[in-house]
Amino acid sequence: MKSIYNFLIVSILTMTASFAQTESKPLNVAVFLYEGVELLDFAGPYEVFGNTGGFNVYTVSYLPEVSIFPQKKIKIKPDYQLVDCPKPDIIIFPGATTEGVMKVYMNEDVMKWVKEINEQTQITMSVCTGAYFLSKNGILDGKSVTTHHGAVDYLQKYTPKAKVLRNTRFVEDGKIITTAGVSAGLDGALHIVEKLKGLEVAKQVVSALEYDHWKPNMGIVIGATNQQPINKKTKVSIKKSKVKVAQKEEVIKDFLAEETDPVCKMHIDKNTKYLSEYKGKKIGFCSIVCKEMFDKKPEKFVHAGH
């Protein structure tokens, strides 16, 4: 009887130790890289998970080396290739310019891998135009999603079965988390940390990164109320903003006919604040990066006749 009792005790302790090891095992976070990927799109989430205990962060690509946008002189050798990548619990697809995204979008082998890897993850997250990779595979169908403000219309066109939201920092719909452009990847990653590790841990990471912009409720979680009620002050600010928008529409009414960013070819939000003037006409851009590139050499980007 005593031997049976000892056997049971040993079995329970062994099971407890095994469970503890499983609980403490870091979650694998894979960050997908490709030629022309936007620096902050992937570096932001990488920093968040890299500064949080319990995550094993690594990069993966189908290329042996990738150049980073906007400074193509920066080259990164990914930790893994698609064929030897450890199974990720969380995977992140950062964005790029239209040119960079479309090269991956048209690669059937990579798109097949994206679909297969998504079936294995606990969480799949896109940043900015990285949402296009999930769009092609039908992963976004039936979901509410977001992307860079300049790509909203195009993503909706490419993904008619999804609802693409504007002016939204991030959206969680099931296991899919999509974020707005560039720096919004930080917010998406912090949301995951808060979701898996708790609010206090997320606050500690925010403090470590000195990221003052973060607000826990700035995104939308489908199935949960995540927005604060509008108070009187908020209503006043909304009215003022409408006036400013009306004034801005008057200023930029002479946009180029294409209504697309001449640098990255993305759709221009009519309320964009990134403006330049060329031969008497106002030209809008999706970001400060595109505006600065245009200002340096406008002839390179403007079609003949404009």
C-alpha atoms as a PDB file:
ATOM      1  CA  MET A   1       0.000   0.000   0.000  1.00  0.00           C
ATOM      2  CA  LYS A   2       2.843   2.341   0.878  1.00  0.00           C
ATOM      3  CA  SER A   3       4.559   1.665  -2.452  1.00  0.00           C
ATOM      4  CA  ILE A   4       1.345   2.544  -4.330  1.00  0.00           C
ATOM      5  CA  TYR A   5       1.055   5.754  -2.318  1.00  0.00           C
ATOM      6  CA  ASN A   6       4.643   6.713  -3.122  1.00  0.00           C
ATOM      7  CA  PHE A   7       4.060   5.926  -6.777  1.00  0.00           C
ATOM      8  CA  LEU A   8       1.032   8.246  -6.875  1.00  0.00           C
ATOM      9  CA  ILE A   9       2.961  11.058  -5.177  1.00  0.00           C
ATOM     10  CA  VAL A  10       5.842  10.739  -7.634  1.00  0.00           C
ATOM     11  CA  SER A  11       3.419  10.663 -10.578  1.00  0.00           C
ATOM     12  CA  ILE A  12       1.630  13.824  -9.392  1.00  0.00           C
ATOM     13  CA  LEU A  13       4.913  15.683  -8.836  1.00  0.00           C
ATOM     14  CA  THR A  14       6.148  14.620 -12.274  1.00  0.00           C
ATOM     15  CA  MET A  15       2.940  15.807 -13.926  1.00  0.00           C
ATOM     16  CA  THR A  16       3.103  19.112 -12.031  1.00  0.00           C
ATOM     17  CA  ALA A  17       6.706  19.692 -13.067  1.00  0.00           C
ATOM     18  CA  SER A  18       5.854  18.855 -16.681  1.00  0.00           C
ATOM     19  CA  PHE A  19       2.898  21.278 -16.620  1.00  0.00           C
ATOM     20  CA  ALA A  20       5.071  24.023 -15.145  1.00  0.00           C
ATOM     21  CA  GLN A  21       7.632  23.534 -17.916  1.00  0.00           C
ATOM     22  CA  THR A  22       4.901  23.737 -20.523  1.00  0.00           C
ATOM     23  CA  GLU A  23       3.516  26.915 -18.961  1.00  0.00           C
ATOM     24  CA  SER A  24       6.931  28.565 -18.847  1.00  0.00           C
ATOM     25  CA  LYS A  25       7.884  27.595 -22.394  1.00  0.00           C
ATOM     26  CA  PRO A  26       8.305  30.791 -24.437  1.00  0.00           C
ATOM     27  CA  LEU A  27       5.876  31.442 -27.259  1.00  0.00           C
ATOM     28  CA  ASN A  28       7.506  31.554 -30.687  1.00  0.00           C
ATOM     29  CA  VAL A  29       7.005  34.863 -32.476  1.00  0.00           C
ATOM     30  CA  ALA A  30       8.001  34.811 -36.155  1.00  0.00           C
ATOM     31  CA  VAL A  31       8.436  38.100 -38.041  1.00  0.00           C
ATOM     32  CA  PHE A  32       8.232  37.681 -41.819  1.00  0.00           C
ATOM     33  CA  LEU A  33      10.775  39.679 -43.846  1.00  0.00           C
ATOM     34  CA  TYR A  34      11.010  40.366 -47.561  1.00  0.00           C
ATOM     35  CA  GLU A  35      12.701  42.761 -49.965  1.00  0.00           C
ATOM     36  CA  GLY A  36      11.713  46.364 -49.259  1.00  0.00           C
ATOM     37  CA  VAL A  37       9.917  45.667 -45.968  1.00  0.00           C
ATOM     38  CA  GLU A  38       9.300  48.856 -43.964  1.00  0.00           C
ATOM     39  CA  LEU A  39      11.768  49.189 -41.099  1.00  0.00           C
ATOM     40  CA  LEU A  40       9.424  50.214 -38.277  1.00  0.00           C
ATOM     41  CA  ASP A  41       6.691  47.830 -39.474  1.00  0.00           C
ATOM     42  CA  PHE A  42       8.729  44.855 -38.328  1.00  0.00           C
ATOM     43  CA  ALA A  43      11.174  46.437 -35.887  1.00  0.00           C
ATOM     44  CA  GLY A  44       8.384  47.903 -33.722  1.00  0.00           C
ATOM     45  CA  PRO A  45       6.659  44.570 -32.938  1.00  0.00           C
ATOM     46  CA  TYR A  46      10.079  42.895 -32.667  1.00  0.00           C
ATOM     47  CA  GLU A  47      11.067  45.396 -29.965  1.00  0.00           C
ATOM     48  CA  VAL A  48       7.807  44.863 -28.065  1.00  0.00           C
ATOM     49  CA  PHE A  49       8.070  41.071 -27.932  1.00  0.00           C
ATOM     50  CA  GLY A  50      11.836  41.207 -27.465  1.00  0.00           C
ATOM     51  CA  ASN A  51      11.333  43.341 -24.340  1.00  0.00           C
ATOM     52  CA  THR A  52       8.687  41.016 -22.897  1.00  0.00           C
ATOM     53  CA  GLY A  53       9.492  37.816 -21.038  1.00  0.00           C
ATOM     54  CA  GLY A  54       7.983  34.607 -22.351  1.00  0.00           C
ATOM     55  CA  PHE A  55       8.504  35.225 -26.071  1.00  0.00           C
ATOM     56  CA  ASN A  56      11.109  33.792 -28.444  1.00  0.00           C
ATOM     57  CA  VAL A  57      11.314  36.269 -31.339  1.00  0.00           C
ATOM     58  CA  TYR A  58      12.966  35.476 -34.672  1.00  0.00           C
ATOM     59  CA  THR A  59      12.839  36.515 -38.325  1.00  0.00           C
ATOM     60  CA  VAL A  60      11.947  34.327 -41.298  1.00  0.00           C
ATOM     61  CA  SER A  61      12.071  34.878 -45.049  1.00  0.00           C
ATOM     62  CA  TYR A  62      12.160  33.118 -48.400  1.00  0.00           C
ATOM     63  CA  LEU A  63      15.277  35.134 -49.248  1.00  0.00           C
ATOM     64  CA  PRO A  64      18.787  34.728 -47.775  1.00  0.00           C
ATOM     65  CA  GLU A  65      19.063  38.501 -47.293  1.00  0.00           C
ATOM     66  CA  VAL A  66      16.642  41.433 -47.540  1.00  0.00           C
ATOM     67  CA  SER A  67      17.053  45.180 -47.994  1.00  0.00           C
ATOM     68  CA  ILE A  68      15.028  47.404 -45.678  1.00  0.00           C
ATOM     69  CA  PHE A  69      12.915  50.411 -46.717  1.00  0.00           C
ATOM     70  CA  PRO A  70      13.485  53.352 -46.646  1.00  0.00           C
ATOM     71  CA  GLN A  71      17.257  52.903 -46.275  1.00  0.00           C
ATOM     72  CA  LYS A  72      18.047  50.102 -48.708  1.00  0.00           C
ATOM     73  CA  LYS A  73      21.632  50.132 -47.496  1.00  0.00           C
ATOM     74  CA  ILE A  74      20.390  48.325 -44.397  1.00  0.00           C
ATOM     75  CA  LYS A  75      20.422  44.606 -45.107  1.00  0.00           C
ATOM     76  CA  ILE A  76      19.266  41.846 -42.787  1.00  0.00           C
ATOM     77  CA  LYS A  77      19.992  38.144 -42.884  1.00  0.00           C
ATOM     78  CA  PRO A  78      16.863  36.383 -41.544  1.00  0.00           C
ATOM     79  CA  ASP A  79      17.234  33.833 -38.776  1.00  0.00           C
ATOM     80  CA  TYR A  80      15.355  31.185 -40.745  1.00  0.00           C
ATOM     81  CA  GLN A  81      14.118  30.289 -44.193  1.00  0.00           C
ATOM     82  CA  LEU A  82      10.580  29.066 -44.825  1.00  0.00           C
ATOM     83  CA  VAL A  83      11.731  25.435 -44.970  1.00  0.00           C
ATOM     84  CA  ASP A  84      13.434  25.378 -41.555  1.00  0.00           C
ATOM     85  CA  CYS A  85      11.381  27.954 -39.621  1.00  0.00           C
ATOM     86  CA  PRO A  86      10.311  26.767 -36.128  1.00  0.00           C
ATOM     87  CA  LYS A  87       6.535  26.517 -35.782  1.00  0.00           C
ATOM     88  CA  PRO A  88       5.347  29.990 -34.707  1.00  0.00           C
ATOM     89  CA  ASP A  89       2.662  30.537 -32.088  1.00  0.00           C
ATOM     90  CA  ILE A  90       2.407  34.142 -33.310  1.00  0.00           C
ATOM     91  CA  ILE A  91       3.360  35.381 -36.757  1.00  0.00           C
ATOM     92  CA  ILE A  92       3.658  38.961 -37.934  1.00  0.00           C
ATOM     93  CA  PHE A  93       3.412  40.152 -41.533  1.00  0.00           C
ATOM     94  CA  PRO A  94       4.769  43.723 -41.822  1.00  0.00           C
ATOM     95  CA  GLY A  95       4.048  46.007 -44.767  1.00  0.00           C
ATOM     96  CA  ALA A  96       6.001  47.768 -47.486  1.00  0.00           C
ATOM     97  CA  THR A  97       5.468  49.982 -50.507  1.00  0.00           C
ATOM     98  CA  THR A  98       3.188  48.646 -53.233  1.00  0.00           C
ATOM     99  CA  GLU A  99       6.199  47.445 -55.226  1.00  0.00           C
ATOM    100  CA  GLY A 100       7.589  45.436 -52.314  1.00  0.00           C
ATOM    101  CA  VAL A 101       4.227  43.951 -51.334  1.00  0.00           C
ATOM    102  CA  MET A 102       3.243  42.915 -54.864  1.00  0.00           C
ATOM    103  CA  LYS A 103       6.430  40.896 -55.407  1.00  0.00           C
ATOM    104  CA  VAL A 104       5.461  38.728 -52.449  1.00  0.00           C
ATOM    105  CA  TYR A 105       1.755  38.815 -53.299  1.00  0.00           C
ATOM    106  CA  MET A 106       2.479  37.312 -56.717  1.00  0.00           C
ATOM    107  CA  ASN A 107       4.784  34.587 -55.372  1.00  0.00           C
ATOM    108  CA  GLU A 108       2.535  31.515 -55.222  1.00  0.00           C
ATOM    109  CA  ASP A 109       4.986  29.444 -53.157  1.00  0.00           C
ATOM    110  CA  VAL A 110       5.209  32.115 -50.461  1.00  0.00           C
ATOM    111  CA  MET A 111       1.449  32.662 -50.461  1.00  0.00           C
ATOM    112  CA  LYS A 112       0.922  28.921 -50.015  1.00  0.00           C
ATOM    113  CA  TRP A 113       3.274  29.026 -47.018  1.00  0.00           C
ATOM    114  CA  VAL A 114       1.376  32.010 -45.557  1.00  0.00           C
ATOM    115  CA  LYS A 115      -1.877  30.059 -45.724  1.00  0.00           C
ATOM    116  CA  GLU A 116      -0.364  26.932 -44.176  1.00  0.00           C
ATOM    117  CA  ILE A 117       1.439  28.794 -41.399  1.00  0.00           C
ATOM    118  CA  ASN A 118      -1.712  30.705 -40.460  1.00  0.00           C
ATOM    119  CA  GLU A 119      -3.467  27.382 -39.844  1.00  0.00           C
ATOM    120  CA  GLN A 120      -0.843  26.583 -37.188  1.00  0.00           C
ATOM    121  CA  THR A 121      -0.710  29.856 -35.244  1.00  0.00           C
ATOM    122  CA  GLN A 122      -2.505  31.051 -32.141  1.00  0.00           C
ATOM    123  CA  ILE A 123      -2.375  34.626 -33.419  1.00  0.00           C
ATOM    124  CA  THR A 124      -1.708  36.017 -36.894  1.00  0.00           C
ATOM    125  CA  MET A 125      -0.980  39.738 -37.109  1.00  0.00           C
ATOM    126  CA  SER A 126      -0.407  42.094 -40.029  1.00  0.00           C
ATOM    127  CA  VAL A 127       1.024  45.591 -39.974  1.00  0.00           C
ATOM    128  CA  CYS A 128       0.094  48.182 -42.592  1.00  0.00           C
ATOM    129  CA  THR A 129      -0.009  46.697 -46.113  1.00  0.00           C
ATOM    130  CA  GLY A 130       1.077  43.304 -44.793  1.00  0.00           C
ATOM    131  CA  ALA A 131      -2.685  42.662 -44.676  1.00  0.00           C
ATOM    132  CA  TYR A 132      -2.572  41.978 -48.424  1.00  0.00           C
ATOM    133  CA  PHE A 133      -0.795  38.659 -47.788  1.00  0.00           C
ATOM    134  CA  LEU A 134      -3.718  37.523 -45.648  1.00  0.00           C
ATOM    135  CA  SER A 135      -6.215  38.913 -48.143  1.00  0.00           C
ATOM    136  CA  LYS A 136      -5.034  36.770 -51.046  1.00  0.00           C
ATOM    137  CA  ASN A 137      -5.443  33.587 -49.024  1.00  0.00           C
ATOM    138  CA  GLY A 138      -8.993  34.370 -47.922  1.00  0.00           C
ATOM    139  CA  ILE A 139      -7.814  34.638 -44.318  1.00  0.00           C
ATOM    140  CA  LEU A 140      -9.553  38.013 -43.935  1.00  0.00           C
ATOM    141  CA  ASP A 141     -12.877  36.914 -45.431  1.00  0.00           C
ATOM    142  CA  GLY A 142     -15.817  37.613 -43.136  1.00  0.00           C
ATOM    143  CA  LYS A 143     -13.703  39.682 -40.762  1.00  0.00           C
ATOM    144  CA  SER A 144     -13.332  43.324 -39.823  1.00  0.00           C
ATOM    145  CA  VAL A 145      -9.791  44.524 -40.522  1.00  0.00           C
ATOM    146  CA  THR A 146      -7.692  47.634 -41.033  1.00  0.00           C
ATOM    147  CA  THR A 147      -4.519  48.761 -42.781  1.00  0.00           C
ATOM    148  CA  HIS A 148      -2.557  51.911 -43.648  1.00  0.00           C
ATOM    149  CA  HIS A 149      -4.986  54.782 -44.266  1.00  0.00           C
ATOM    150  CA  GLY A 150      -3.714  55.149 -47.829  1.00  0.00           C
ATOM    151  CA  ALA A 151      -4.417  51.491 -48.638  1.00  0.00           C
ATOM    152  CA  VAL A 152      -7.923  51.114 -47.174  1.00  0.00           C
ATOM    153  CA  ASP A 153      -9.784  51.389 -50.482  1.00  0.00           C
ATOM    154  CA  TYR A 154      -7.441  49.042 -52.267  1.00  0.00           C
ATOM    155  CA  LEU A 155      -7.585  46.402 -49.544  1.00  0.00           C
ATOM    156  CA  GLN A 156     -11.376  46.597 -49.620  1.00  0.00           C
ATOM    157  CA  LYS A 157     -11.292  46.109 -53.390  1.00  0.00           C
ATOM    158  CA  TYR A 158      -8.981  43.110 -53.076  1.00  0.00           C
ATOM    159  CA  THR A 159     -10.990  41.711 -50.137  1.00  0.00           C
ATOM    160  CA  PRO A 160     -14.699  42.249 -50.861  1.00  0.00           C
ATOM    161  CA  LYS A 161     -15.729  39.689 -48.231  1.00  0.00           C
ATOM    162  CA  ALA A 162     -14.037  41.644 -45.429  1.00  0.00           C
ATOM    163  CA  LYS A 163     -14.961  44.965 -43.826  1.00  0.00           C
ATOM    164  CA  VAL A 164     -11.974  47.305 -43.951  1.00  0.00           C
ATOM    165  CA  LEU A 165     -12.189  49.978 -41.248  1.00  0.00           C
ATOM    166  CA  ARG A 166     -10.789  53.494 -41.479  1.00  0.00           C
ATOM    167  CA  ASN A 167      -9.235  55.552 -38.696  1.00  0.00           C
ATOM    168  CA  THR A 168      -8.641  52.457 -36.581  1.00  0.00           C
ATOM    169  CA  ARG A 169      -5.349  51.736 -34.843  1.00  0.00           C
ATOM    170  CA  PHE A 170      -5.829  47.968 -34.750  1.00  0.00           C
ATOM    171  CA  VAL A 171      -8.590  45.388 -35.049  1.00  0.00           C
ATOM    172  CA  GLU A 172      -8.783  42.000 -33.348  1.00  0.00           C
ATOM    173  CA  ASP A 173     -11.256  39.640 -35.002  1.00  0.00           C
ATOM    174  CA  GLY A 174     -10.831  36.060 -33.851  1.00  0.00           C
ATOM    175  CA  LYS A 175      -7.152  35.181 -33.967  1.00  0.00           C
ATOM    176  CA  ILE A 176      -6.487  37.753 -36.703  1.00  0.00           C
ATOM    177  CA  ILE A 177      -5.092  41.131 -35.631  1.00  0.00           C
ATOM    178  CA  THR A 178      -4.589  43.802 -38.277  1.00  0.00           C
ATOM    179  CA  THR A 179      -3.087  47.222 -37.643  1.00  0.00           C
ATOM    180  CA  ALA A 180      -2.885  50.584 -39.372  1.00  0.00           C
ATOM    181  CA  GLY A 181       0.386  51.825 -40.838  1.00  0.00           C
ATOM    182  CA  VAL A 182       3.965  51.732 -39.602  1.00  0.00           C
ATOM    183  CA  SER A 183       3.980  52.728 -35.892  1.00  0.00           C
ATOM    184  CA  ALA A 184       0.598  51.042 -35.350  1.00  0.00           C
ATOM    185  CA  GLY A 185       2.472  47.752 -35.300  1.00  0.00           C
ATOM    186  CA  LEU A 186       3.653  48.746 -31.830  1.00  0.00           C
ATOM    187  CA  ASP A 187       0.044  49.042 -30.680  1.00  0.00           C
ATOM    188  CA  GLY A 188      -0.930  45.704 -32.177  1.00  0.00           C
ATOM    189  CA  ALA A 189       1.993  43.966 -30.496  1.00  0.00           C
ATOM    190  CA  LEU A 190       1.291  45.663 -27.154  1.00  0.00           C
ATOM    191  CA  HIS A 191      -2.331  44.564 -27.425  1.00  0.00           C
ATOM    192  CA  ILE A 192      -1.145  40.966 -27.783  1.00  0.00           C
ATOM    193  CA  VAL A 193       1.139  41.363 -24.754  1.00  0.00           C
ATOM    194  CA  GLU A 194      -1.745  42.774 -22.734  1.00  0.00           C
ATOM    195  CA  LYS A 195      -3.999  39.960 -23.941  1.00  0.00           C
ATOM    196  CA  LEU A 196      -1.540  37.165 -23.069  1.00  0.00           C
ATOM    197  CA  LYS A 197       0.483  38.631 -20.188  1.00  0.00           C
ATOM    198  CA  GLY A 198      -1.795  41.249 -18.632  1.00  0.00           C
ATOM    199  CA  LEU A 199      -2.082  45.016 -18.563  1.00  0.00           C
ATOM    200  CA  GLU A 200       0.681  45.570 -16.009  1.00  0.00           C
ATOM    201  CA  VAL A 201       3.225  43.680 -18.111  1.00  0.00           C
ATOM    202  CA  ALA A 202       2.211  45.709 -21.180  1.00  0.00           C
ATOM    203  CA  LYS A 203       2.668  48.928 -19.178  1.00  0.00           C
ATOM    204  CA  GLN A 204       6.157  47.803 -18.163  1.00  0.00           C
ATOM    205  CA  VAL A 205       7.065  47.242 -21.814  1.00  0.00           C
ATOM    206  CA  VAL A 206       5.658  50.669 -22.733  1.00  0.00           C
ATOM    207  CA  SER A 207       7.821  52.206 -20.024  1.00  0.00           C
ATOM    208  CA  ALA A 208      10.909  50.359 -21.249  1.00  0.00           C
ATOM    209  CA  LEU A 209      10.321  51.560 -24.826  1.00  0.00           C
ATOM    210  CA  GLU A 210       9.238  55.054 -23.683  1.00  0.00           C
ATOM    211  CA  TYR A 211       6.333  54.829 -26.112  1.00  0.00           C
ATOM    212  CA  ASP A 212       4.047  57.582 -24.798  1.00  0.00           C
ATOM    213  CA  HIS A 213       1.491  57.203 -27.592  1.00  0.00           C
ATOM    214  CA  TRP A 214       0.087  53.857 -26.410  1.00  0.00           C
ATOM    215  CA  LYS A 215      -3.477  53.668 -25.103  1.00  0.00           C
ATOM    216  CA  PRO A 216      -4.922  50.220 -24.262  1.00  0.00           C
ATOM    217  CA  ASN A 217      -8.376  51.017 -25.689  1.00  0.00           C
ATOM    218  CA  MET A 218      -7.351  52.644 -28.956  1.00  0.00           C
ATOM    219  CA  GLY A 219      -8.218  49.595 -31.077  1.00  0.00           C
ATOM    220  CA  ILE A 220     -11.325  47.548 -31.752  1.00  0.00           C
ATOM    221  CA  VAL A 221     -11.887  44.034 -30.436  1.00  0.00           C
ATOM    222  CA  ILE A 222     -14.765  42.394 -32.268  1.00  0.00           C
ATOM    223  CA  GLY A 223     -17.276  41.121 -29.747  1.00  0.00           C
ATOM    224  CA  ALA A 224     -16.062  43.496 -27.027  1.00  0.00           C
ATOM    225  CA  THR A 225     -16.844  47.112 -26.236  1.00  0.00           C
ATOM    226  CA  ASN A 226     -13.520  48.874 -26.474  1.00  0.00           C
ATOM    227  CA  GLN A 227     -14.437  52.492 -27.022  1.00  0.00           C
ATOM    228  CA  GLN A 228     -14.966  55.177 -24.412  1.00  0.00           C
ATOM    229  CA  PRO A 229     -18.291  57.074 -24.295  1.00  0.00           C
ATOM    230  CA  ILE A 230     -18.224  60.491 -25.959  1.00  0.00           C
ATOM    231  CA  ASN A 231     -18.308  63.325 -23.451  1.00  0.00           C
ATOM    232  CA  LYS A 232     -19.115  66.982 -24.089  1.00  0.00           C
ATOM    233  CA  LYS A 233     -15.497  67.932 -24.678  1.00  0.00           C
ATOM    234  CA  THR A 234     -15.130  65.180 -27.246  1.00  0.00           C
ATOM    235  CA  LYS A 235     -18.246  66.388 -29.067  1.00  0.00           C
ATOM    236  CA  VAL A 236     -16.830  69.901 -29.273  1.00  0.00           C
ATOM    237  CA  SER A 237     -13.538  68.648 -30.690  1.00  0.00           C
ATOM    238  CA  ILE A 238     -15.414  66.610 -33.291  1.00  0.00           C
ATOM    239  CA  LYS A 239     -17.300  69.684 -34.469  1.00  0.00           C
ATOM    240  CA  LYS A 240     -14.073  71.652 -34.748  1.00  0.00           C
ATOM    241  CA  SER A 241     -12.401  68.863 -36.695  1.00  0.00           C
ATOM    242  CA  LYS A 242     -15.239  68.882 -39.244  1.00  0.00           C
ATOM    243  CA  VAL A 243     -14.573  72.557 -39.899  1.00  0.00           C
ATOM    244  CA  LYS A 244     -10.870  71.879 -40.385  1.00  0.00           C
ATOM    245  CA  VAL A 245     -11.621  69.038 -42.796  1.00  0.00           C
ATOM    246  CA  ALA A 246     -13.888  71.304 -44.857  1.00  0.00           C
ATOM    247  CA  GLN A 247     -11.152  73.920 -45.044  1.00  0.00           C
ATOM    248  CA  LYS A 248      -8.574  71.330 -46.050  1.00  0.00           C
ATOM    249  CA  GLU A 249     -10.791  69.986 -48.817  1.00  0.00           C
ATOM    250  CA  GLU A 250     -10.807  73.488 -50.325  1.00  0.00           C
ATOM    251  CA  VAL A 251      -7.029  73.634 -50.188  1.00  0.00           C
ATOM    252  CA  ILE A 252      -6.427  70.286 -51.875  1.00  0.00           C
ATOM    253  CA  LYS A 253      -9.241  70.309 -54.414  1.00  0.00           C
ATOM    254  CA  ASP A 254      -6.671  70.571 -57.217  1.00  0.00           C
ATOM    255  CA  PHE A 255      -5.006  67.217 -56.558  1.00  0.00           C
ATOM    256  CA  LEU A 256      -3.579  65.376 -59.542  1.00  0.00           C
ATOM    257  CA  ALA A 257      -6.279  63.453 -61.398  1.00  0.00           C
ATOM    258  CA  GLU A 258      -4.893  60.024 -60.402  1.00  0.00           C
ATOM    259  CA  GLU A 259      -5.547  60.683 -56.686  1.00  0.00           C
ATOM    260  CA  THR A 260      -2.777  58.229 -55.901  1.00  0.00           C
ATOM    261  CA  ASP A 261       0.569  58.767 -54.258  1.00  0.00           C
ATOM    262  CA  PRO A 262       2.980  59.300 -57.207  1.00  0.00           C
ATOM    263  CA  VAL A 263       5.779  57.568 -55.299  1.00  0.00           C
ATOM    264  CA  CYS A 264       4.277  54.375 -53.839  1.00  0.00           C
ATOM    265  CA  LYS A 265       1.078  54.399 -55.968  1.00  0.00           C
ATOM    266  CA  MET A 266      -1.188  54.032 -52.935  1.00  0.00           C
ATOM    267  CA  HIS A 267      -4.575  55.752 -52.724  1.00  0.00           C
ATOM    268  CA  ILE A 268      -4.390  59.217 -51.168  1.00  0.00           C
ATOM    269  CA  ASP A 269      -6.680  60.003 -48.258  1.00  0.00           C
ATOM    270  CA  LYS A 270      -8.432  63.255 -49.150  1.00  0.00           C
ATOM    271  CA  ASN A 271      -7.549  64.595 -45.701  1.00  0.00           C
ATOM    272  CA  THR A 272      -3.843  63.853 -45.994  1.00  0.00           C
ATOM    273  CA  LYS A 273      -1.552  66.375 -44.365  1.00  0.00           C
ATOM    274  CA  TYR A 274       1.408  65.449 -46.587  1.00  0.00           C
ATOM    275  CA  LEU A 275       1.278  67.915 -49.477  1.00  0.00           C
ATOM    276  CA  SER A 276       3.653  69.351 -52.071  1.00  0.00           C
ATOM    277  CA  GLU A 277       3.193  71.710 -54.985  1.00  0.00           C
ATOM    278  CA  TYR A 278       4.456  70.959 -58.479  1.00  0.00           C
ATOM    279  CA  LYS A 279       3.916  73.220 -61.492  1.00  0.00           C
ATOM    280  CA  GLY A 280       1.036  74.980 -59.764  1.00  0.00           C
ATOM    281  CA  LYS A 281      -0.795  71.826 -58.697  1.00  0.00           C
ATOM    282  CA  LYS A 282      -1.201  70.299 -55.253  1.00  0.00           C
ATOM    283  CA  ILE A 283       0.048  66.733 -54.875  1.00  0.00           C
ATOM    284  CA  GLY A 284      -0.802  64.521 -51.930  1.00  0.00           C
ATOM    285  CA  PHE A 285       1.144  61.670 -50.369  1.00  0.00           C
ATOM    286  CA  CYS A 286       0.339  58.798 -48.062  1.00  0.00           C
ATOM    287  CA  SER A 287       3.312  59.473 -45.771  1.00  0.00           C
ATOM    288  CA  ILE A 288       6.154  61.875 -45.006  1.00  0.00           C
ATOM    289  CA  VAL A 289       8.590  59.370 -46.512  1.00  0.00           C
ATOM    290  CA  CYS A 290       6.931  59.540 -49.955  1.00  0.00           C
ATOM    291  CA  LYS A 291       6.658  63.332 -49.767  1.00  0.00           C
ATOM    292  CA  GLU A 292      10.375  63.700 -49.024  1.00  0.00           C
ATOM    293  CA  MET A 293      11.330  61.318 -51.843  1.00  0.00           C
ATOM    294  CA  PHE A 294       9.154  63.292 -54.272  1.00  0.00           C
ATOM    295  CA  ASP A 295      10.494  66.677 -53.161  1.00  0.00           C
ATOM    296  CA  LYS A 296      14.065  65.565 -53.858  1.00  0.00           C
ATOM    297  CA  LYS A 297      13.335  64.595 -57.481  1.00  0.00           C
ATOM    298  CA  PRO A 298       9.733  65.299 -58.559  1.00  0.00           C
ATOM    299  CA  GLU A 299      10.414  64.725 -62.276  1.00  0.00           C
ATOM    300  CA  LYS A 300      11.045  61.076 -61.525  1.00  0.00           C
ATOM    301  CA  PHE A 301       7.520  60.501 -60.218  1.00  0.00           C
ATOM    302  CA  VAL A 302       5.180  62.859 -62.080  1.00  0.00           C
ATOM    303  CA  HIS A 303       3.695  61.667 -65.381  1.00  0.00           C
ATOM    304  CA  ALA A 304       4.390  63.733 -68.460  1.00  0.00           C
ATOM    305  CA  GLY A 305       1.743  66.331 -69.092  1.00  0.00           C
ATOM    306  CA  HIS A 306       1.101  67.208 -65.414  1.00  0.00           C
END
